[in-house]
Protein backbone atom coordinates (compact mmCIF):
# COMPACT_ATOMS: atom_id res chain seq x y z
CA UNK A 1 -36.84 -20.88 24.64
CA UNK A 2 -40.25 -19.14 24.80
CA UNK A 3 -41.30 -20.74 21.51
CA UNK A 4 -40.20 -24.16 22.78
CA UNK A 5 -42.32 -23.72 25.92
CA UNK A 6 -45.33 -22.79 23.80
CA UNK A 7 -44.69 -25.78 21.58
CA UNK A 8 -44.51 -28.17 24.57
CA UNK A 9 -47.54 -26.62 26.29
CA UNK A 10 -49.73 -26.98 23.23
CA UNK A 11 -48.49 -30.54 22.71
CA UNK A 12 -49.39 -31.38 26.32
CA UNK A 13 -52.82 -29.85 25.67
CA UNK A 14 -53.41 -32.55 23.05
CA UNK A 15 -52.68 -30.81 19.75
CA UNK A 16 -51.34 -32.89 16.88
CA UNK A 17 -47.54 -33.07 16.49
CA UNK A 18 -47.79 -32.71 12.71
CA UNK A 19 -49.93 -29.55 12.91
CA UNK A 20 -47.68 -28.00 15.57
CA UNK A 21 -44.52 -28.66 13.55
CA UNK A 22 -46.15 -27.22 10.44
CA UNK A 23 -47.20 -24.07 12.33
CA UNK A 24 -43.79 -23.55 13.98
CA UNK A 25 -41.91 -24.27 10.75
CA UNK A 26 -39.90 -27.26 11.98
CA UNK A 27 -39.64 -30.89 11.02
CA UNK A 28 -41.40 -33.58 13.03
CA UNK A 29 -38.01 -35.04 13.93
CA UNK A 30 -37.11 -31.74 15.62
CA UNK A 31 -40.53 -31.56 17.26
CA UNK A 32 -40.20 -35.00 18.84
CA UNK A 33 -36.64 -34.14 19.89
CA UNK A 34 -37.84 -31.02 21.77
CA UNK A 35 -40.71 -32.88 23.43
CA UNK A 36 -38.52 -35.87 24.45
CA UNK A 37 -35.97 -33.54 26.07
CA UNK A 38 -38.76 -31.89 28.06
CA UNK A 39 -39.96 -35.27 29.30
CA UNK A 40 -36.41 -36.28 30.30
CA UNK A 41 -35.10 -33.04 31.88
CA UNK A 42 -38.10 -30.79 32.37
CA UNK A 43 -37.87 -27.09 31.53
CA UNK A 44 -34.04 -27.22 31.69
CA UNK A 45 -34.07 -29.53 28.71
CA UNK A 46 -35.43 -26.73 26.53
CA UNK A 47 -32.35 -24.49 26.90
CA UNK A 48 -29.57 -24.39 24.27
CA UNK A 49 -26.88 -26.99 24.76
CA UNK A 50 -23.17 -26.65 24.10
CA UNK A 51 -21.98 -27.86 20.69
CA UNK A 52 -18.54 -28.67 22.00
CA UNK A 53 -17.47 -32.24 21.11
CA UNK A 54 -17.50 -34.78 23.92
CA UNK A 55 -13.95 -35.83 23.02
CA UNK A 56 -11.17 -34.78 20.64
CA UNK A 57 -9.59 -37.37 18.39
CA UNK A 58 -6.10 -35.84 18.54
CA UNK A 59 -6.11 -34.40 22.06
CA UNK A 60 -2.93 -34.92 24.03
CA UNK A 61 -3.11 -37.08 27.13
CA UNK A 62 -3.42 -34.85 30.17
CA UNK A 63 -0.21 -36.33 31.62
CA UNK A 64 1.78 -35.16 28.58
CA UNK A 65 0.16 -31.73 28.59
CA UNK A 66 0.87 -31.30 32.30
CA UNK A 67 4.49 -32.31 31.73
CA UNK A 68 4.83 -29.66 29.00
CA UNK A 69 3.45 -26.99 31.33
CA UNK A 70 5.70 -28.10 34.19
CA UNK A 71 8.82 -27.92 32.00
CA UNK A 72 7.83 -24.45 30.80
CA UNK A 73 7.28 -23.23 34.36
CA UNK A 74 10.61 -24.70 35.41
CA UNK A 75 12.45 -23.17 32.42
CA UNK A 76 10.52 -20.05 31.25
CA UNK A 77 13.04 -19.29 28.50
CA UNK A 78 12.59 -22.68 26.80
CA UNK A 79 10.59 -22.87 23.61
CA UNK A 80 8.66 -25.66 21.91
CA UNK A 81 11.78 -27.25 20.37
CA UNK A 82 13.63 -27.72 23.67
CA UNK A 83 10.50 -28.93 25.44
CA UNK A 84 9.87 -31.46 22.65
CA UNK A 85 13.41 -32.79 23.04
CA UNK A 86 12.94 -33.08 26.81
CA UNK A 87 9.60 -34.79 26.23
CA UNK A 88 11.17 -37.37 23.90
CA UNK A 89 13.75 -38.33 26.50
CA UNK A 90 11.13 -38.59 29.24
CA UNK A 91 8.47 -40.55 27.31
CA UNK A 92 10.22 -42.84 24.86
CA UNK A 93 7.27 -45.21 24.56
CA UNK A 94 4.70 -42.72 23.20
CA UNK A 95 4.41 -40.71 20.00
CA UNK A 96 6.00 -37.32 20.61
CA UNK A 97 3.76 -34.40 19.57
CA UNK A 98 4.94 -31.98 16.93
CA UNK A 99 6.61 -28.69 17.78
CA UNK A 100 3.53 -26.79 16.59
CA UNK A 101 1.32 -28.83 18.95
CA UNK A 102 3.53 -28.04 21.93
CA UNK A 103 3.54 -24.37 20.95
CA UNK A 104 -0.28 -24.43 20.74
CA UNK A 105 -0.47 -25.90 24.27
CA UNK A 106 1.79 -23.15 25.61
CA UNK A 107 -0.17 -20.49 23.74
CA UNK A 108 -3.49 -21.80 25.05
CA UNK A 109 -2.24 -21.37 28.62
CA UNK A 110 -0.84 -17.89 28.00
CA UNK A 111 2.81 -18.92 28.18
CA UNK A 112 3.85 -17.53 24.77
CA UNK A 113 5.24 -14.02 24.67
CA UNK A 114 3.88 -12.18 21.66
CA UNK A 115 6.23 -9.63 20.16
CA UNK A 116 4.98 -6.84 18.00
CA UNK A 117 6.26 -6.75 14.45
CA UNK A 118 8.97 -4.16 14.02
CA UNK A 119 8.24 -1.80 11.18
CA UNK A 120 10.80 0.92 10.49
CA UNK A 121 9.20 4.31 10.07
CA UNK A 122 10.57 7.59 8.93
CA UNK A 123 10.80 10.14 11.74
CA UNK A 124 10.33 13.90 11.76
CA UNK A 125 13.20 16.39 11.75
CA UNK A 126 13.81 19.82 13.22
CA UNK A 127 11.61 22.46 11.57
CA UNK A 128 12.67 25.97 10.61
CA UNK A 129 10.53 29.12 10.77
CA UNK A 130 10.84 30.11 7.10
CA UNK A 131 10.11 33.79 7.66
CA UNK A 132 11.38 35.02 4.28
CA UNK A 133 10.53 33.89 0.74
CA UNK A 134 12.43 30.82 -0.48
CA UNK A 135 13.78 30.01 2.97
CA UNK A 136 11.24 27.18 3.14
CA UNK A 137 9.10 25.49 0.54
CA UNK A 138 6.35 23.07 1.52
CA UNK A 139 5.27 20.19 -0.68
CA UNK A 140 2.72 17.42 -0.49
CA UNK A 141 0.23 15.41 -2.50
CA UNK A 142 -3.37 16.41 -2.07
CA UNK A 143 -5.47 13.34 -1.41
CA UNK A 144 -6.26 11.42 -4.59
CA UNK A 145 -9.66 11.71 -6.26
CA UNK A 146 -11.32 10.23 -9.33
CA UNK A 147 -11.78 12.12 -12.55
CA UNK A 148 -14.82 11.79 -14.76
CA UNK A 149 -13.12 9.02 -16.77
CA UNK A 150 -12.64 7.00 -13.53
CA UNK A 151 -8.85 7.55 -13.41
CA UNK A 152 -7.25 8.62 -10.13
CA UNK A 153 -5.58 12.03 -9.92
CA UNK A 154 -2.79 12.82 -7.43
CA UNK A 155 -2.15 16.60 -7.34
CA UNK A 156 1.45 17.47 -6.41
CA UNK A 157 1.59 20.95 -4.85
CA UNK A 158 4.45 23.19 -3.71
CA UNK A 159 4.07 26.46 -1.80
CA UNK A 160 6.41 29.09 -0.37
CA UNK A 161 5.99 29.07 3.39
CA UNK A 162 6.48 32.78 4.06
CA UNK A 163 4.52 34.30 1.17
CA UNK A 164 1.92 31.51 0.73
CA UNK A 165 2.76 31.63 -2.98
CA UNK A 166 1.54 28.51 -4.78
CA UNK A 167 4.54 27.52 -6.87
CA UNK A 168 2.93 24.63 -8.72
CA UNK A 169 -0.04 22.30 -8.76
CA UNK A 170 0.41 19.38 -11.15
CA UNK A 171 -2.15 16.65 -11.85
CA UNK A 172 -0.26 13.34 -11.73
CA UNK A 173 -1.46 9.80 -12.21
CA UNK A 174 0.52 8.41 -9.24
CA UNK A 175 2.99 9.33 -6.50
CA UNK A 176 5.86 7.72 -8.42
CA UNK A 177 9.12 9.56 -7.70
CA UNK A 178 10.02 9.70 -11.41
CA UNK A 179 7.12 12.09 -12.00
CA UNK A 180 8.16 14.18 -8.98
CA UNK A 181 11.69 14.49 -10.39
CA UNK A 182 10.30 15.98 -13.61
CA UNK A 183 8.04 18.46 -11.80
CA UNK A 184 10.75 19.68 -9.42
CA UNK A 185 13.32 19.98 -12.22
CA UNK A 186 11.00 22.35 -14.07
CA UNK A 187 10.21 24.22 -10.86
CA UNK A 188 13.88 24.72 -9.93
CA UNK A 189 14.64 26.04 -13.37
CA UNK A 190 11.77 28.54 -13.22
CA UNK A 191 11.94 29.63 -9.56
CA UNK A 192 15.47 28.81 -8.40
CA UNK A 193 16.45 26.73 -5.40
CA UNK A 194 15.01 27.11 -1.88
CA UNK A 195 17.02 26.84 1.32
CA UNK A 196 14.82 24.04 2.71
CA UNK A 197 11.91 21.86 1.61
CA UNK A 198 9.36 20.51 4.12
CA UNK A 199 7.28 17.42 3.45
CA UNK A 200 5.61 14.53 5.22
CA UNK A 201 7.12 11.05 5.54
CA UNK A 202 5.33 9.51 2.60
CA UNK A 203 6.49 8.42 -0.84
CA UNK A 204 8.40 9.87 -2.69
CA UNK A 205 9.67 12.35 -0.11
CA UNK A 206 10.96 9.74 2.36
CA UNK A 207 11.73 6.04 2.44
CA UNK A 208 11.26 4.07 5.66
CA UNK A 209 13.74 1.37 4.61
CA UNK A 210 16.55 3.59 3.31
CA UNK A 211 19.56 4.99 5.17
CA UNK A 212 18.38 7.92 7.31
CA UNK A 213 14.99 7.44 5.59
CA UNK A 214 16.26 9.35 2.54
CA UNK A 215 14.50 8.66 -0.74
CA UNK A 216 16.12 9.23 -4.12
CA UNK A 217 14.26 12.52 -4.39
CA UNK A 218 15.55 13.66 -0.99
CA UNK A 219 19.11 12.67 -1.89
CA UNK A 220 18.82 14.75 -5.05
CA UNK A 221 17.67 17.76 -3.01
CA UNK A 222 20.63 17.34 -0.68
CA UNK A 223 23.04 17.23 -3.62
CA UNK A 224 21.59 20.54 -4.76
CA UNK A 225 22.26 22.07 -1.34
CA UNK A 226 18.64 22.02 -0.17
CA UNK A 227 17.91 21.19 3.46
CA UNK A 228 15.39 18.42 4.20
CA UNK A 229 12.60 18.95 6.72
CA UNK A 230 10.02 16.28 7.58
CA UNK A 231 7.06 16.62 9.90
CA UNK A 232 6.37 14.03 12.58
CA UNK A 233 4.17 11.12 11.48
CA UNK A 234 0.55 11.86 12.30
CA UNK A 235 1.14 15.62 12.82
CA UNK A 236 -0.16 17.34 9.65
CA UNK A 237 -0.53 20.57 11.64
CA UNK A 238 3.23 21.01 11.35
CA UNK A 239 2.56 21.70 7.67
CA UNK A 240 -0.65 23.53 8.43
CA UNK A 241 -0.32 26.39 5.94
CA UNK A 242 0.05 23.95 3.10
CA UNK A 243 -2.84 21.79 4.31
CA UNK A 244 -5.05 24.89 4.52
CA UNK A 245 -4.27 25.64 0.88
CA UNK A 246 -5.32 22.09 0.02
CA UNK A 247 -8.73 22.75 1.57
CA UNK A 248 -9.24 25.76 -0.71
CA UNK A 249 -7.93 23.77 -3.67
CA UNK A 250 -10.40 20.98 -2.99
CA UNK A 251 -13.38 23.33 -2.81
CA UNK A 252 -12.57 25.45 -5.85
CA UNK A 253 -10.83 23.12 -8.30
CA UNK A 254 -11.91 19.53 -7.70
CA UNK A 255 -15.65 19.63 -7.05
CA UNK A 256 -16.92 18.43 -9.39
CA UNK A 257 -13.81 16.86 -10.94
CA UNK A 258 -12.97 17.32 -14.60
CA UNK A 259 -13.39 14.54 -17.14
CA UNK A 260 -9.67 13.90 -17.84
CA UNK A 261 -6.18 15.00 -16.80
CA UNK A 262 -5.88 17.82 -19.36
CA UNK A 263 -9.14 19.41 -18.28
CA UNK A 264 -8.26 18.98 -14.61
CA UNK A 265 -4.83 20.55 -15.15
CA UNK A 266 -6.53 23.54 -16.80
CA UNK A 267 -8.59 23.99 -13.63
CA UNK A 268 -5.47 23.76 -11.49
CA UNK A 269 -3.71 26.38 -13.64
CA UNK A 270 -6.65 28.73 -13.26
CA UNK A 271 -6.71 28.12 -9.50
CA UNK A 272 -2.97 28.88 -9.21
CA UNK A 273 -3.43 32.17 -11.06
CA UNK A 274 -6.35 33.27 -8.89
CA UNK A 275 -4.70 32.11 -5.66
CA UNK A 276 -1.46 33.99 -6.35
CA UNK A 277 -2.63 37.14 -8.15
CA UNK A 278 -6.24 37.84 -7.09
CA UNK A 279 -7.02 36.23 -3.72
CA UNK A 280 -6.09 38.48 -0.74
CA UNK A 281 -4.58 36.65 2.24
CA UNK A 282 -5.41 37.72 5.77
CA UNK A 283 -2.03 36.60 7.15
CA UNK A 284 -0.36 38.91 4.59
CA UNK A 285 -2.39 41.99 5.64
CA UNK A 286 -4.78 41.31 2.75
CA UNK A 287 -1.99 41.28 0.18
CA UNK A 288 -1.86 38.73 -2.60
CA UNK A 289 0.98 36.20 -2.45
CA UNK A 290 2.49 37.60 -5.68
CA UNK A 291 3.06 40.94 -3.92
CA UNK A 292 5.28 39.25 -1.31
CA UNK A 293 7.03 36.48 -3.17
CA UNK A 294 10.29 36.94 -5.06
CA UNK A 295 12.09 34.26 -7.10
CA UNK A 296 15.08 32.65 -5.45
CA UNK A 297 18.55 34.02 -6.12
CA UNK A 298 19.94 30.48 -5.92
CA UNK A 299 19.43 29.65 -9.55
CA UNK A 300 20.33 26.35 -11.13
CA UNK A 301 23.62 26.72 -13.04
CA UNK A 302 22.67 24.30 -15.80
CA UNK A 303 19.33 23.16 -17.23
CA UNK A 304 20.35 19.54 -16.65
CA UNK A 305 20.78 19.69 -12.90
CA UNK A 306 23.43 17.40 -11.37
CA UNK A 307 22.05 14.01 -10.50
CA UNK A 308 18.92 14.35 -12.64
CA UNK A 309 20.02 12.57 -15.80
CA UNK A 310 19.71 9.05 -14.41
CA UNK A 311 16.23 9.74 -12.99
CA UNK A 312 14.80 11.89 -15.75
CA UNK A 313 11.82 10.08 -17.29
CA UNK A 314 8.98 11.39 -19.38
CA UNK A 315 5.55 11.64 -17.84
CA UNK A 316 2.67 9.42 -19.00
CA UNK A 317 1.23 10.57 -22.32
CA UNK A 318 -2.38 10.19 -21.35
CA UNK A 319 -2.05 12.13 -18.09
CA UNK A 320 0.54 14.80 -18.77
CA UNK A 321 0.63 15.69 -22.45
CA UNK A 322 -0.40 19.21 -21.48
CA UNK A 323 2.46 19.45 -18.97
CA UNK A 324 5.01 18.41 -21.60
CA UNK A 325 3.57 20.92 -24.06
CA UNK A 326 3.92 23.79 -21.56
CA UNK A 327 7.52 22.74 -20.86
CA UNK A 328 8.38 22.66 -24.58
CA UNK A 329 6.85 26.09 -25.24
CA UNK A 330 8.64 27.70 -22.29
CA UNK A 331 12.01 26.35 -23.49
CA UNK A 332 11.38 27.68 -27.02
CA UNK A 333 10.64 31.11 -25.56
CA UNK A 334 13.93 31.06 -23.61
CA UNK A 335 15.89 30.04 -26.71
């Protein structure tokens, strides 16, 4: 508005309209429009005006709109369909508005009750203390990060709650449950079975749409006699020991990231060795986790664990050729 006042003042002082418009960067049509409004309405004519249309081509007659509101107030439980039927019987000589139009009228006057969308979510379970080795294992995916070749890496980690022993850290290309089946099958064969496994409510550990929120992986654990523990959504502190390990893992093994999965897995293997055998832990009276942890006595009775055959899939070649090679060599040593 200040620029418009200056424009009008200089025009009243006798300056040329063309020169003023050129200086203010407007067309002469706009300049004459501003000056004419000042002559008609004074200073008030220089303020911004509403761009709202003077009339609406498809606006309902106010009598019909008032009737819709009166019916809604008389019958609060009625929706647009019932009101439209009532409207058709009352005004047979006019075009009856569509159901969506009646709903828009009700919504505009705040007469539509908005219901939040129901989304089933997995809930937390009771948590055990896990004071002895293999009473409780904790598992989670460390947050994904990009490797040097621009592929995303999703590290799957498992720790023993009591001894802080890092059981595995595998570089995976996704959180697909088929990959998790392969990792846990190898882990159960090497370390035995725990009493319970604690995880969050994400994939593949839980399924929000399944019965009791049990994923296929969780059902497999139950069939093996392993108890399922899940933390409450939004409460990562309930798995705090595992999350603290992830912080150390991030600092020492992912910054900077390796170029590909094989190189990144080599870093993870080195980190696991240092974390378990060399790094003293204050909560263990400065002992290393390997000095406290003992393999589980609940060993798998058969290499092909019950319920695994239908889920057993090979891991991606590009991402996990090193993992398959380690598995093959370990089996040859056992044979």
